[in-house]
């Protein structure tokens, strides 16, 4: 009788260990699934930020080019005005 109780108790303990192992496995599997989802979200967000940064850099380059063009136009205008002043200084009687 005592042997039977010990065998049944051992089987119950083995069964509980199996149930606990299965539950733990499912919990870990669910946790790793959540980790994978968060990782994908972080990677997507990083790609989005990279694209925004690239767009901002391209916009800055465009603005820099526009500013250089305006500076060049100002220099041309100043050069033109200076040339007109020099021409006028050479012959003030000639209309420019």
N, C-alpha and C. Protein backbone atom coordinates (compact mmCIF):
# COMPACT_ATOMS: atom_id res chain seq x y z
N UNK A 1 0.82 -1.18 0.00
CA UNK A 1 0.00 0.00 0.00
C UNK A 1 0.88 1.27 0.00
N UNK A 2 1.88 1.26 0.85
CA UNK A 2 2.76 2.42 0.93
C UNK A 2 3.52 2.62 -0.38
N UNK A 3 3.87 1.52 -0.99
CA UNK A 3 4.57 1.60 -2.27
C UNK A 3 3.64 2.21 -3.32
N UNK A 4 2.37 1.82 -3.29
CA UNK A 4 1.40 2.35 -4.24
C UNK A 4 1.21 3.87 -4.05
N UNK A 5 1.16 4.32 -2.82
CA UNK A 5 1.01 5.74 -2.53
C UNK A 5 2.24 6.48 -3.03
N UNK A 6 3.40 5.90 -2.83
CA UNK A 6 4.64 6.53 -3.29
C UNK A 6 4.67 6.61 -4.81
N UNK A 7 4.23 5.55 -5.50
CA UNK A 7 4.21 5.55 -6.96
C UNK A 7 3.21 6.59 -7.47
N UNK A 8 2.04 6.61 -6.89
CA UNK A 8 1.02 7.59 -7.31
C UNK A 8 1.52 9.01 -7.03
N UNK A 9 2.12 9.21 -5.87
CA UNK A 9 2.67 10.53 -5.55
C UNK A 9 3.77 10.92 -6.51
N UNK A 10 4.62 9.98 -6.89
CA UNK A 10 5.68 10.25 -7.86
C UNK A 10 5.10 10.59 -9.22
N UNK A 11 4.05 9.86 -9.63
CA UNK A 11 3.41 10.16 -10.91
C UNK A 11 2.77 11.54 -10.90
N UNK A 12 2.18 11.91 -9.79
CA UNK A 12 1.57 13.24 -9.67
C UNK A 12 2.66 14.31 -9.77
N UNK A 13 3.78 14.08 -9.09
CA UNK A 13 4.88 15.04 -9.17
C UNK A 13 5.44 15.16 -10.59
N UNK A 14 5.58 14.05 -11.28
CA UNK A 14 6.04 14.06 -12.67
C UNK A 14 5.03 14.81 -13.54
N UNK A 15 3.75 14.55 -13.33
CA UNK A 15 2.71 15.25 -14.09
C UNK A 15 2.74 16.74 -13.85
N UNK A 16 2.90 17.14 -12.58
CA UNK A 16 3.00 18.57 -12.26
C UNK A 16 4.24 19.20 -12.90
N UNK A 17 5.33 18.48 -12.89
CA UNK A 17 6.55 19.00 -13.51
C UNK A 17 6.33 19.20 -15.01
N UNK A 18 5.63 18.26 -15.63
CA UNK A 18 5.35 18.40 -17.07
C UNK A 18 4.45 19.60 -17.32
N UNK A 19 3.39 19.75 -16.52
CA UNK A 19 2.47 20.88 -16.68
C UNK A 19 3.21 22.20 -16.47
N UNK A 20 4.02 22.27 -15.42
CA UNK A 20 4.79 23.49 -15.15
C UNK A 20 5.75 23.78 -16.32
N UNK A 21 6.39 22.74 -16.84
CA UNK A 21 7.29 22.93 -17.98
C UNK A 21 6.57 23.45 -19.21
N UNK A 22 5.39 22.90 -19.49
CA UNK A 22 4.60 23.35 -20.64
C UNK A 22 4.18 24.80 -20.45
N UNK A 23 3.68 25.13 -19.26
CA UNK A 23 3.26 26.52 -18.99
C UNK A 23 4.43 27.48 -19.10
N UNK A 24 5.57 27.08 -18.56
CA UNK A 24 6.76 27.93 -18.64
C UNK A 24 7.19 28.11 -20.10
N UNK A 25 7.13 27.05 -20.87
CA UNK A 25 7.49 27.11 -22.28
C UNK A 25 6.58 28.07 -23.03
N UNK A 26 5.28 27.98 -22.76
CA UNK A 26 4.32 28.89 -23.42
C UNK A 26 4.57 30.34 -23.02
N UNK A 27 4.88 30.53 -21.75
CA UNK A 27 5.15 31.89 -21.27
C UNK A 27 6.39 32.45 -21.95
N UNK A 28 7.44 31.66 -22.04
CA UNK A 28 8.65 32.11 -22.71
C UNK A 28 8.40 32.37 -24.19
N UNK A 29 7.62 31.49 -24.80
CA UNK A 29 7.32 31.66 -26.23
C UNK A 29 6.55 32.96 -26.45
N UNK A 30 5.58 33.25 -25.58
CA UNK A 30 4.81 34.49 -25.70
C UNK A 30 5.72 35.70 -25.47
N UNK A 31 6.61 35.60 -24.50
CA UNK A 31 7.52 36.72 -24.22
C UNK A 31 8.44 36.98 -25.41
N UNK A 32 9.00 35.91 -26.00
CA UNK A 32 9.87 36.09 -27.16
C UNK A 32 9.07 36.63 -28.35
N UNK A 33 7.81 36.25 -28.43
CA UNK A 33 6.96 36.81 -29.49
C UNK A 33 6.78 38.30 -29.32
N UNK A 34 6.56 38.74 -28.07
CA UNK A 34 6.44 40.18 -27.81
C UNK A 34 7.75 40.90 -28.09
N UNK A 35 8.86 40.26 -27.75
CA UNK A 35 10.18 40.85 -28.03
C UNK A 35 10.35 41.03 -29.53
N UNK A 36 9.94 40.04 -30.30
CA UNK A 36 10.07 40.13 -31.77
C UNK A 36 9.21 41.26 -32.32
N UNK A 37 7.99 41.40 -31.79
CA UNK A 37 7.10 42.48 -32.25
C UNK A 37 7.71 43.84 -31.92
N UNK A 38 8.21 43.99 -30.71
CA UNK A 38 8.81 45.27 -30.31
C UNK A 38 10.05 45.56 -31.15
N UNK A 39 10.84 44.53 -31.41
CA UNK A 39 12.04 44.71 -32.23
C UNK A 39 11.66 45.20 -33.63
N UNK A 40 10.62 44.61 -34.22
CA UNK A 40 10.18 45.06 -35.55
C UNK A 40 9.70 46.50 -35.50
N UNK A 41 8.96 46.84 -34.44
CA UNK A 41 8.48 48.22 -34.31
C UNK A 41 9.65 49.20 -34.18
N UNK A 42 10.65 48.83 -33.41
CA UNK A 42 11.83 49.69 -33.24
C UNK A 42 12.58 49.83 -34.56
N UNK A 43 12.73 48.73 -35.29
CA UNK A 43 13.42 48.79 -36.57
C UNK A 43 12.63 49.66 -37.56
N UNK A 44 11.30 49.51 -37.57
CA UNK A 44 10.48 50.34 -38.46
C UNK A 44 10.62 51.82 -38.10
N UNK A 45 10.60 52.11 -36.80
CA UNK A 45 10.75 53.50 -36.35
C UNK A 45 12.13 54.05 -36.72
N UNK A 46 13.15 53.21 -36.58
CA UNK A 46 14.51 53.64 -36.94
C UNK A 46 14.59 53.94 -38.43
N UNK A 47 13.98 53.08 -39.26
CA UNK A 47 13.98 53.34 -40.71
C UNK A 47 13.23 54.63 -41.02
N UNK A 48 12.11 54.85 -40.34
CA UNK A 48 11.35 56.08 -40.56
C UNK A 48 12.17 57.30 -40.18
N UNK A 49 12.86 57.22 -39.05
CA UNK A 49 13.71 58.34 -38.63
C UNK A 49 14.86 58.57 -39.59
N UNK A 50 15.44 57.49 -40.10
CA UNK A 50 16.52 57.61 -41.09
C UNK A 50 16.01 58.31 -42.34
N UNK A 51 14.79 57.95 -42.77
CA UNK A 51 14.22 58.58 -43.96
C UNK A 51 13.95 60.06 -43.71
N UNK A 52 13.44 60.37 -42.52
CA UNK A 52 13.20 61.78 -42.18
C UNK A 52 14.51 62.56 -42.16
N UNK A 53 15.54 61.96 -41.56
CA UNK A 53 16.84 62.62 -41.49
C UNK A 53 17.40 62.85 -42.89
N UNK A 54 17.27 61.85 -43.75
CA UNK A 54 17.74 61.99 -45.12
C UNK A 54 16.98 63.10 -45.84
N UNK A 55 15.66 63.14 -45.64
CA UNK A 55 14.85 64.19 -46.26
C UNK A 55 15.27 65.57 -45.74
N UNK A 56 15.56 65.66 -44.44
CA UNK A 56 15.99 66.94 -43.88
C UNK A 56 17.35 67.35 -44.44
N UNK A 57 18.26 66.38 -44.58
CA UNK A 57 19.57 66.70 -45.16
C UNK A 57 19.43 67.18 -46.59
N UNK A 58 18.55 66.50 -47.36
CA UNK A 58 18.34 66.92 -48.74
C UNK A 58 17.75 68.32 -48.79
N UNK A 59 16.82 68.63 -47.88
CA UNK A 59 16.21 69.96 -47.83
C UNK A 59 17.27 71.00 -47.46
N UNK A 60 18.14 70.67 -46.49
CA UNK A 60 19.20 71.59 -46.11
C UNK A 60 20.14 71.85 -47.28
N UNK A 61 20.49 70.81 -48.02
CA UNK A 61 21.35 70.98 -49.19
C UNK A 61 20.68 71.87 -50.23
N UNK A 62 19.38 71.65 -50.42
CA UNK A 62 18.63 72.47 -51.38
C UNK A 62 18.64 73.93 -50.93
N UNK A 63 18.42 74.17 -49.64
CA UNK A 63 18.44 75.54 -49.13
C UNK A 63 19.83 76.15 -49.24
N UNK A 64 20.87 75.34 -48.98
CA UNK A 64 22.24 75.84 -49.13
C UNK A 64 22.52 76.24 -50.57
N UNK A 65 22.08 75.40 -51.51
CA UNK A 65 22.28 75.73 -52.93
C UNK A 65 21.55 77.02 -53.29
N UNK A 66 20.32 77.15 -52.79
CA UNK A 66 19.54 78.36 -53.06
C UNK A 66 20.23 79.58 -52.47
N UNK A 67 20.76 79.44 -51.25
CA UNK A 67 21.45 80.56 -50.61
C UNK A 67 22.71 80.93 -51.38
N UNK A 68 23.47 79.91 -51.84
CA UNK A 68 24.67 80.20 -52.63
C UNK A 68 24.30 80.90 -53.93
N UNK A 69 23.19 80.48 -54.54
CA UNK A 69 22.74 81.13 -55.77
C UNK A 69 22.40 82.59 -55.52
N UNK A 70 21.72 82.85 -54.40
CA UNK A 70 21.37 84.24 -54.07
C UNK A 70 22.62 85.06 -53.79
N UNK A 71 23.58 84.45 -53.07
CA UNK A 71 24.84 85.16 -52.81
C UNK A 71 25.54 85.47 -54.12
N UNK A 72 25.54 84.52 -55.05
CA UNK A 72 26.18 84.72 -56.34
C UNK A 72 25.49 85.84 -57.10
N UNK A 73 24.16 85.86 -57.05
CA UNK A 73 23.42 86.94 -57.74
C UNK A 73 23.76 88.28 -57.13
N UNK A 74 23.85 88.34 -55.80
CA UNK A 74 24.22 89.59 -55.14
C UNK A 74 25.62 90.03 -55.57
N UNK A 75 26.54 89.06 -55.65
CA UNK A 75 27.89 89.39 -56.09
C UNK A 75 27.87 89.89 -57.53
N UNK A 76 27.09 89.26 -58.37
CA UNK A 76 26.99 89.72 -59.76
C UNK A 76 26.44 91.14 -59.82
N UNK A 77 25.40 91.40 -59.01
CA UNK A 77 24.81 92.73 -59.00
C UNK A 77 25.83 93.76 -58.51
N UNK A 78 26.57 93.42 -57.45
CA UNK A 78 27.60 94.33 -56.95
C UNK A 78 28.69 94.53 -58.00
N UNK A 79 29.08 93.47 -58.67
CA UNK A 79 30.09 93.57 -59.72
C UNK A 79 29.60 94.43 -60.86
N UNK A 80 28.34 94.28 -61.21
CA UNK A 80 27.75 95.09 -62.31
C UNK A 80 27.73 96.56 -61.92
N UNK A 81 27.30 96.82 -60.67
CA UNK A 81 27.25 98.21 -60.21
C UNK A 81 28.66 98.81 -60.17
N UNK A 82 29.63 98.02 -59.72
CA UNK A 82 31.00 98.49 -59.67
C UNK A 82 31.52 98.77 -61.08
N UNK A 83 31.20 97.90 -62.00
CA UNK A 83 31.63 98.10 -63.39
C UNK A 83 31.00 99.37 -63.96
N UNK A 84 29.73 99.60 -63.65
CA UNK A 84 29.07 100.82 -64.14
C UNK A 84 29.73 102.06 -63.55
N UNK A 85 30.08 102.01 -62.27
CA UNK A 85 30.73 103.15 -61.63
C UNK A 85 32.08 103.40 -62.29
N UNK A 86 32.82 102.34 -62.58
CA UNK A 86 34.13 102.50 -63.23
C UNK A 86 33.97 103.08 -64.64
N UNK A 87 32.97 102.59 -65.36
CA UNK A 87 32.75 103.14 -66.70
C UNK A 87 32.39 104.61 -66.64
N UNK A 88 31.56 104.93 -65.69
CA UNK A 88 31.15 106.32 -65.53
C UNK A 88 32.35 107.18 -65.14
N UNK A 89 33.24 106.62 -64.32
CA UNK A 89 34.43 107.36 -63.90
C UNK A 89 35.37 107.59 -65.08
N UNK A 90 35.41 106.67 -66.03
CA UNK A 90 36.26 106.83 -67.19
C UNK A 90 35.76 107.98 -68.08
N UNK A 91 34.47 108.00 -68.28
CA UNK A 91 33.92 109.05 -69.16
C UNK A 91 32.56 109.46 -68.60
N UNK A 92 32.55 110.44 -67.74
CA UNK A 92 31.27 110.85 -67.10
C UNK A 92 30.27 111.42 -68.12
N UNK A 93 30.71 111.83 -69.28
CA UNK A 93 29.80 112.39 -70.28
C UNK A 93 29.02 111.33 -71.03
N UNK A 94 29.56 110.11 -71.08
CA UNK A 94 28.89 109.01 -71.81
C UNK A 94 27.80 108.42 -70.92
N UNK A 95 26.58 108.35 -71.40
CA UNK A 95 25.53 107.67 -70.59
C UNK A 95 25.78 106.16 -70.59
N UNK A 96 25.53 105.58 -69.47
CA UNK A 96 25.78 104.14 -69.34
C UNK A 96 24.51 103.36 -69.57
